[in-house]
């Protein structure tokens, strides 16, 4: 068996993973990411939401970078 096998039909995609190559934690991380993607698509955010997110991150970094980088 290969580490990863993907099969798809008209209505679904089936992914089979070999347990020798992937831990349960790694698989759960990927599934959580996919779940977040589903929720984001359902929320139907407007395009400017990404710009707002970048502004929030930039402002946070300006306020907190001294905690990580000595000036």
PDB file of N, CA and C in Angstrom:
ATOM      1  N   UNK A   1       0.831  -1.178   0.000  1.00  0.00           N
ATOM      2  CA  UNK A   1       0.000   0.000   0.000  1.00  0.00           C
ATOM      3  C   UNK A   1       0.880   1.247   0.000  1.00  0.00           C
ATOM      4  N   UNK A   2       0.455   2.259  -0.745  1.00  0.00           N
ATOM      5  CA  UNK A   2       1.187   3.523  -0.732  1.00  0.00           C
ATOM      6  C   UNK A   2       0.795   4.326   0.502  1.00  0.00           C
ATOM      7  N   UNK A   3       1.571   5.332   0.815  1.00  0.00           N
ATOM      8  CA  UNK A   3       1.308   6.148   1.999  1.00  0.00           C
ATOM      9  C   UNK A   3      -0.024   6.889   1.892  1.00  0.00           C
ATOM     10  N   UNK A   4      -0.419   7.207   0.677  1.00  0.00           N
ATOM     11  CA  UNK A   4      -1.620   8.002   0.463  1.00  0.00           C
ATOM     12  C   UNK A   4      -2.318   7.528  -0.809  1.00  0.00           C
ATOM     13  N   UNK A   5      -3.611   7.278  -0.690  1.00  0.00           N
ATOM     14  CA  UNK A   5      -4.381   6.869  -1.868  1.00  0.00           C
ATOM     15  C   UNK A   5      -5.653   7.711  -1.914  1.00  0.00           C
ATOM     16  N   UNK A   6      -5.954   8.258  -3.089  1.00  0.00           N
ATOM     17  CA  UNK A   6      -7.139   9.092  -3.269  1.00  0.00           C
ATOM     18  C   UNK A   6      -8.022   8.473  -4.340  1.00  0.00           C
ATOM     19  N   UNK A   7      -9.288   8.304  -3.996  1.00  0.00           N
ATOM     20  CA  UNK A   7     -10.276   7.809  -4.944  1.00  0.00           C
ATOM     21  C   UNK A   7     -11.440   8.790  -4.942  1.00  0.00           C
ATOM     22  N   UNK A   8     -11.977   9.081  -6.111  1.00  0.00           N
ATOM     23  CA  UNK A   8     -13.134   9.949  -6.142  1.00  0.00           C
ATOM     24  C   UNK A   8     -14.192   9.401  -7.074  1.00  0.00           C
ATOM     25  N   UNK A   9     -15.416   9.739  -6.733  1.00  0.00           N
ATOM     26  CA  UNK A   9     -16.530   9.400  -7.598  1.00  0.00           C
ATOM     27  C   UNK A   9     -17.347  10.666  -7.799  1.00  0.00           C
ATOM     28  N   UNK A  10     -18.533  10.512  -8.267  1.00  0.00           N
ATOM     29  CA  UNK A  10     -19.352  11.670  -8.601  1.00  0.00           C
ATOM     30  C   UNK A  10     -19.650  12.555  -7.382  1.00  0.00           C
ATOM     31  N   UNK A  11     -19.821  11.965  -6.203  1.00  0.00           N
ATOM     32  CA  UNK A  11     -20.267  12.717  -5.034  1.00  0.00           C
ATOM     33  C   UNK A  11     -19.246  12.867  -3.916  1.00  0.00           C
ATOM     34  N   UNK A  12     -18.137  12.151  -3.964  1.00  0.00           N
ATOM     35  CA  UNK A  12     -17.232  12.190  -2.824  1.00  0.00           C
ATOM     36  C   UNK A  12     -15.789  11.926  -3.232  1.00  0.00           C
ATOM     37  N   UNK A  13     -14.917  12.236  -2.286  1.00  0.00           N
ATOM     38  CA  UNK A  13     -13.491  11.928  -2.424  1.00  0.00           C
ATOM     39  C   UNK A  13     -13.115  11.093  -1.205  1.00  0.00           C
ATOM     40  N   UNK A  14     -12.493   9.960  -1.433  1.00  0.00           N
ATOM     41  CA  UNK A  14     -12.073   9.091  -0.329  1.00  0.00           C
ATOM     42  C   UNK A  14     -10.553   9.078  -0.270  1.00  0.00           C
ATOM     43  N   UNK A  15     -10.034   9.403   0.916  1.00  0.00           N
ATOM     44  CA  UNK A  15      -8.591   9.427   1.134  1.00  0.00           C
ATOM     45  C   UNK A  15      -8.248   8.307   2.097  1.00  0.00           C
ATOM     46  N   UNK A  16      -7.303   7.459   1.698  1.00  0.00           N
ATOM     47  CA  UNK A  16      -6.838   6.369   2.553  1.00  0.00           C
ATOM     48  C   UNK A  16      -5.379   6.622   2.891  1.00  0.00           C
ATOM     49  N   UNK A  17      -5.081   6.605   4.193  1.00  0.00           N
ATOM     50  CA  UNK A  17      -3.725   6.866   4.660  1.00  0.00           C
ATOM     51  C   UNK A  17      -3.160   5.624   5.326  1.00  0.00           C
ATOM     52  N   UNK A  18      -1.923   5.314   5.035  1.00  0.00           N
ATOM     53  CA  UNK A  18      -1.240   4.198   5.677  1.00  0.00           C
ATOM     54  C   UNK A  18      -0.790   4.650   7.066  1.00  0.00           C
ATOM     55  N   UNK A  19      -1.197   3.953   8.105  1.00  0.00           N
ATOM     56  CA  UNK A  19      -0.890   4.320   9.484  1.00  0.00           C
ATOM     57  C   UNK A  19       0.612   4.338   9.770  1.00  0.00           C
ATOM     58  N   UNK A  20       1.394   3.665   8.951  1.00  0.00           N
ATOM     59  CA  UNK A  20       2.844   3.661   9.151  1.00  0.00           C
ATOM     60  C   UNK A  20       3.446   5.050   8.907  1.00  0.00           C
ATOM     61  N   UNK A  21       2.768   5.861   8.114  1.00  0.00           N
ATOM     62  CA  UNK A  21       3.328   7.141   7.708  1.00  0.00           C
ATOM     63  C   UNK A  21       2.702   8.351   8.403  1.00  0.00           C
ATOM     64  N   UNK A  22       1.536   8.186   9.002  1.00  0.00           N
ATOM     65  CA  UNK A  22       0.812   9.319   9.573  1.00  0.00           C
ATOM     66  C   UNK A  22       0.347   8.994  10.982  1.00  0.00           C
ATOM     67  N   UNK A  23       0.604   9.909  11.903  1.00  0.00           N
ATOM     68  CA  UNK A  23       0.098   9.728  13.257  1.00  0.00           C
ATOM     69  C   UNK A  23      -1.339  10.245  13.325  1.00  0.00           C
ATOM     70  N   UNK A  24      -2.046   9.823  14.332  1.00  0.00           N
ATOM     71  CA  UNK A  24      -3.421  10.292  14.511  1.00  0.00           C
ATOM     72  C   UNK A  24      -3.441  11.815  14.693  1.00  0.00           C
ATOM     73  N   UNK A  25      -2.470  12.342  15.400  1.00  0.00           N
ATOM     74  CA  UNK A  25      -2.396  13.785  15.615  1.00  0.00           C
ATOM     75  C   UNK A  25      -2.240  14.544  14.292  1.00  0.00           C
ATOM     76  N   UNK A  26      -1.400  14.046  13.400  1.00  0.00           N
ATOM     77  CA  UNK A  26      -1.210  14.698  12.103  1.00  0.00           C
ATOM     78  C   UNK A  26      -2.500  14.679  11.294  1.00  0.00           C
ATOM     79  N   UNK A  27      -3.183  13.559  11.302  1.00  0.00           N
ATOM     80  CA  UNK A  27      -4.438  13.437  10.558  1.00  0.00           C
ATOM     81  C   UNK A  27      -5.485  14.395  11.137  1.00  0.00           C
ATOM     82  N   UNK A  28      -5.551  14.490  12.462  1.00  0.00           N
ATOM     83  CA  UNK A  28      -6.513  15.396  13.096  1.00  0.00           C
ATOM     84  C   UNK A  28      -6.207  16.851  12.767  1.00  0.00           C
ATOM     85  N   UNK A  29      -4.937  17.204  12.671  1.00  0.00           N
ATOM     86  CA  UNK A  29      -4.572  18.570  12.295  1.00  0.00           C
ATOM     87  C   UNK A  29      -5.066  18.897  10.888  1.00  0.00           C
ATOM     88  N   UNK A  30      -4.894  17.978   9.969  1.00  0.00           N
ATOM     89  CA  UNK A  30      -5.351  18.190   8.594  1.00  0.00           C
ATOM     90  C   UNK A  30      -6.875  18.283   8.549  1.00  0.00           C
ATOM     91  N   UNK A  31      -7.556  17.409   9.283  1.00  0.00           N
ATOM     92  CA  UNK A  31      -9.014  17.430   9.307  1.00  0.00           C
ATOM     93  C   UNK A  31      -9.538  18.717   9.941  1.00  0.00           C
ATOM     94  N   UNK A  32      -8.880  19.195  10.973  1.00  0.00           N
ATOM     95  CA  UNK A  32      -9.275  20.473  11.583  1.00  0.00           C
ATOM     96  C   UNK A  32      -9.113  21.613  10.593  1.00  0.00           C
ATOM     97  N   UNK A  33      -8.019  21.603   9.845  1.00  0.00           N
ATOM     98  CA  UNK A  33      -7.807  22.626   8.826  1.00  0.00           C
ATOM     99  C   UNK A  33      -8.925  22.583   7.788  1.00  0.00           C
ATOM    100  N   UNK A  34      -9.255  21.388   7.318  1.00  0.00           N
ATOM    101  CA  UNK A  34     -10.319  21.260   6.325  1.00  0.00           C
ATOM    102  C   UNK A  34     -11.658  21.723   6.884  1.00  0.00           C
ATOM    103  N   UNK A  35     -11.913  21.428   8.138  1.00  0.00           N
ATOM    104  CA  UNK A  35     -13.153  21.858   8.768  1.00  0.00           C
ATOM    105  C   UNK A  35     -13.232  23.388   8.840  1.00  0.00           C
ATOM    106  N   UNK A  36     -12.121  24.028   9.142  1.00  0.00           N
ATOM    107  CA  UNK A  36     -12.074  25.490   9.168  1.00  0.00           C
ATOM    108  C   UNK A  36     -12.350  26.053   7.778  1.00  0.00           C
ATOM    109  N   UNK A  37     -11.800  25.427   6.755  1.00  0.00           N
ATOM    110  CA  UNK A  37     -12.060  25.860   5.381  1.00  0.00           C
ATOM    111  C   UNK A  37     -13.547  25.765   5.050  1.00  0.00           C
ATOM    112  N   UNK A  38     -14.184  24.680   5.471  1.00  0.00           N
ATOM    113  CA  UNK A  38     -15.623  24.505   5.239  1.00  0.00           C
ATOM    114  C   UNK A  38     -16.403  25.623   5.919  1.00  0.00           C
ATOM    115  N   UNK A  39     -16.076  25.892   7.185  1.00  0.00           N
ATOM    116  CA  UNK A  39     -16.779  26.935   7.932  1.00  0.00           C
ATOM    117  C   UNK A  39     -16.572  28.311   7.301  1.00  0.00           C
ATOM    118  N   UNK A  40     -15.372  28.586   6.825  1.00  0.00           N
ATOM    119  CA  UNK A  40     -15.093  29.876   6.190  1.00  0.00           C
ATOM    120  C   UNK A  40     -15.905  30.031   4.909  1.00  0.00           C
ATOM    121  N   UNK A  41     -16.036  28.973   4.147  1.00  0.00           N
ATOM    122  CA  UNK A  41     -16.831  29.042   2.916  1.00  0.00           C
ATOM    123  C   UNK A  41     -18.310  29.232   3.237  1.00  0.00           C
ATOM    124  N   UNK A  42     -18.790  28.582   4.283  1.00  0.00           N
ATOM    125  CA  UNK A  42     -20.187  28.750   4.678  1.00  0.00           C
ATOM    126  C   UNK A  42     -20.452  30.169   5.163  1.00  0.00           C
ATOM    127  N   UNK A  43     -19.469  30.786   5.809  1.00  0.00           N
ATOM    128  CA  UNK A  43     -19.649  32.130   6.340  1.00  0.00           C
ATOM    129  C   UNK A  43     -19.768  33.159   5.221  1.00  0.00           C
ATOM    130  N   UNK A  44     -19.227  32.854   4.049  1.00  0.00           N
ATOM    131  CA  UNK A  44     -19.310  33.724   2.875  1.00  0.00           C
ATOM    132  C   UNK A  44     -18.824  35.136   3.193  1.00  0.00           C
ATOM    133  N   UNK A  45     -17.606  35.225   3.720  1.00  0.00           N
ATOM    134  CA  UNK A  45     -17.026  36.514   4.043  1.00  0.00           C
ATOM    135  C   UNK A  45     -16.837  37.354   2.801  1.00  0.00           C
ATOM    136  N   UNK A  46     -16.900  38.648   2.978  1.00  0.00           N
ATOM    137  CA  UNK A  46     -16.614  39.544   1.869  1.00  0.00           C
ATOM    138  C   UNK A  46     -15.106  39.558   1.640  1.00  0.00           C
ATOM    139  N   UNK A  47     -14.704  40.011   0.470  1.00  0.00           N
ATOM    140  CA  UNK A  47     -13.288  39.957   0.093  1.00  0.00           C
ATOM    141  C   UNK A  47     -12.394  40.790   1.012  1.00  0.00           C
ATOM    142  N   UNK A  48     -12.913  41.848   1.607  1.00  0.00           N
ATOM    143  CA  UNK A  48     -12.072  42.707   2.435  1.00  0.00           C
ATOM    144  C   UNK A  48     -11.735  42.098   3.789  1.00  0.00           C
ATOM    145  N   UNK A  49     -12.273  40.935   4.106  1.00  0.00           N
ATOM    146  CA  UNK A  49     -11.989  40.301   5.388  1.00  0.00           C
ATOM    147  C   UNK A  49     -10.515  39.904   5.504  1.00  0.00           C
ATOM    148  N   UNK A  50      -9.908  39.507   4.387  1.00  0.00           N
ATOM    149  CA  UNK A  50      -8.485  39.149   4.424  1.00  0.00           C
ATOM    150  C   UNK A  50      -7.630  40.367   4.739  1.00  0.00           C
ATOM    151  N   UNK A  51      -7.978  41.505   4.162  1.00  0.00           N
ATOM    152  CA  UNK A  51      -7.238  42.735   4.445  1.00  0.00           C
ATOM    153  C   UNK A  51      -7.381  43.089   5.920  1.00  0.00           C
ATOM    154  N   UNK A  52      -8.570  42.954   6.469  1.00  0.00           N
ATOM    155  CA  UNK A  52      -8.784  43.229   7.883  1.00  0.00           C
ATOM    156  C   UNK A  52      -7.934  42.298   8.749  1.00  0.00           C
ATOM    157  N   UNK A  53      -7.881  41.025   8.393  1.00  0.00           N
ATOM    158  CA  UNK A  53      -7.054  40.071   9.128  1.00  0.00           C
ATOM    159  C   UNK A  53      -5.585  40.454   9.107  1.00  0.00           C
ATOM    160  N   UNK A  54      -5.100  40.894   7.945  1.00  0.00           N
ATOM    161  CA  UNK A  54      -3.705  41.322   7.837  1.00  0.00           C
ATOM    162  C   UNK A  54      -3.442  42.540   8.714  1.00  0.00           C
ATOM    163  N   UNK A  55      -4.394  43.483   8.751  1.00  0.00           N
ATOM    164  CA  UNK A  55      -4.237  44.663   9.591  1.00  0.00           C
ATOM    165  C   UNK A  55      -4.187  44.280  11.067  1.00  0.00           C
ATOM    166  N   UNK A  56      -5.030  43.351  11.472  1.00  0.00           N
ATOM    167  CA  UNK A  56      -5.038  42.898  12.865  1.00  0.00           C
ATOM    168  C   UNK A  56      -3.698  42.267  13.211  1.00  0.00           C
ATOM    169  N   UNK A  57      -3.188  41.390  12.332  1.00  0.00           N
ATOM    170  CA  UNK A  57      -1.893  40.748  12.593  1.00  0.00           C
ATOM    171  C   UNK A  57      -0.767  41.778  12.658  1.00  0.00           C
ATOM    172  N   UNK A  58      -0.796  42.738  11.742  1.00  0.00           N
ATOM    173  CA  UNK A  58       0.253  43.754  11.720  1.00  0.00           C
ATOM    174  C   UNK A  58       0.212  44.594  13.002  1.00  0.00           C
ATOM    175  N   UNK A  59      -0.979  44.995  13.410  1.00  0.00           N
ATOM    176  CA  UNK A  59      -1.093  45.779  14.639  1.00  0.00           C
ATOM    177  C   UNK A  59      -0.654  44.971  15.861  1.00  0.00           C
ATOM    178  N   UNK A  60      -1.002  43.695  15.896  1.00  0.00           N
ATOM    179  CA  UNK A  60      -0.571  42.849  17.009  1.00  0.00           C
ATOM    180  C   UNK A  60       0.948  42.763  17.040  1.00  0.00           C
ATOM    181  N   UNK A  61       1.554  42.565  15.868  1.00  0.00           N
ATOM    182  CA  UNK A  61       3.004  42.424  15.807  1.00  0.00           C
ATOM    183  C   UNK A  61       3.684  43.712  16.266  1.00  0.00           C
ATOM    184  N   UNK A  62       3.176  44.860  15.846  1.00  0.00           N
ATOM    185  CA  UNK A  62       3.749  46.138  16.267  1.00  0.00           C
ATOM    186  C   UNK A  62       3.695  46.265  17.787  1.00  0.00           C
ATOM    187  N   UNK A  63       2.571  45.858  18.368  1.00  0.00           N
ATOM    188  CA  UNK A  63       2.396  45.977  19.821  1.00  0.00           C
ATOM    189  C   UNK A  63       3.194  44.928  20.603  1.00  0.00           C
ATOM    190  N   UNK A  64       3.538  43.800  19.990  1.00  0.00           N
ATOM    191  CA  UNK A  64       4.118  42.688  20.752  1.00  0.00           C
ATOM    192  C   UNK A  64       5.502  42.223  20.310  1.00  0.00           C
ATOM    193  N   UNK A  65       6.062  42.799  19.252  1.00  0.00           N
ATOM    194  CA  UNK A  65       7.333  42.264  18.761  1.00  0.00           C
ATOM    195  C   UNK A  65       8.449  42.397  19.791  1.00  0.00           C
ATOM    196  N   UNK A  66       8.356  43.381  20.678  1.00  0.00           N
ATOM    197  CA  UNK A  66       9.386  43.541  21.720  1.00  0.00           C
ATOM    198  C   UNK A  66       9.464  42.313  22.616  1.00  0.00           C
ATOM    199  N   UNK A  67       8.394  41.535  22.688  1.00  0.00           N
ATOM    200  CA  UNK A  67       8.397  40.322  23.502  1.00  0.00           C
ATOM    201  C   UNK A  67       9.219  39.200  22.880  1.00  0.00           C
ATOM    202  N   UNK A  68       9.468  39.306  21.579  1.00  0.00           N
ATOM    203  CA  UNK A  68      10.156  38.230  20.845  1.00  0.00           C
ATOM    204  C   UNK A  68      11.510  38.640  20.290  1.00  0.00           C
ATOM    205  N   UNK A  69      11.669  39.940  20.028  1.00  0.00           N
ATOM    206  CA  UNK A  69      12.916  40.441  19.431  1.00  0.00           C
ATOM    207  C   UNK A  69      13.454  41.563  20.295  1.00  0.00           C
ATOM    208  N   UNK A  70      14.690  41.403  20.751  1.00  0.00           N
ATOM    209  CA  UNK A  70      15.325  42.474  21.536  1.00  0.00           C
ATOM    210  C   UNK A  70      15.698  43.615  20.600  1.00  0.00           C
ATOM    211  N   UNK A  71      15.340  44.803  20.987  1.00  0.00           N
ATOM    212  CA  UNK A  71      15.647  45.961  20.129  1.00  0.00           C
ATOM    213  C   UNK A  71      16.881  46.679  20.588  1.00  0.00           C
TER     214      UNK A  71
END
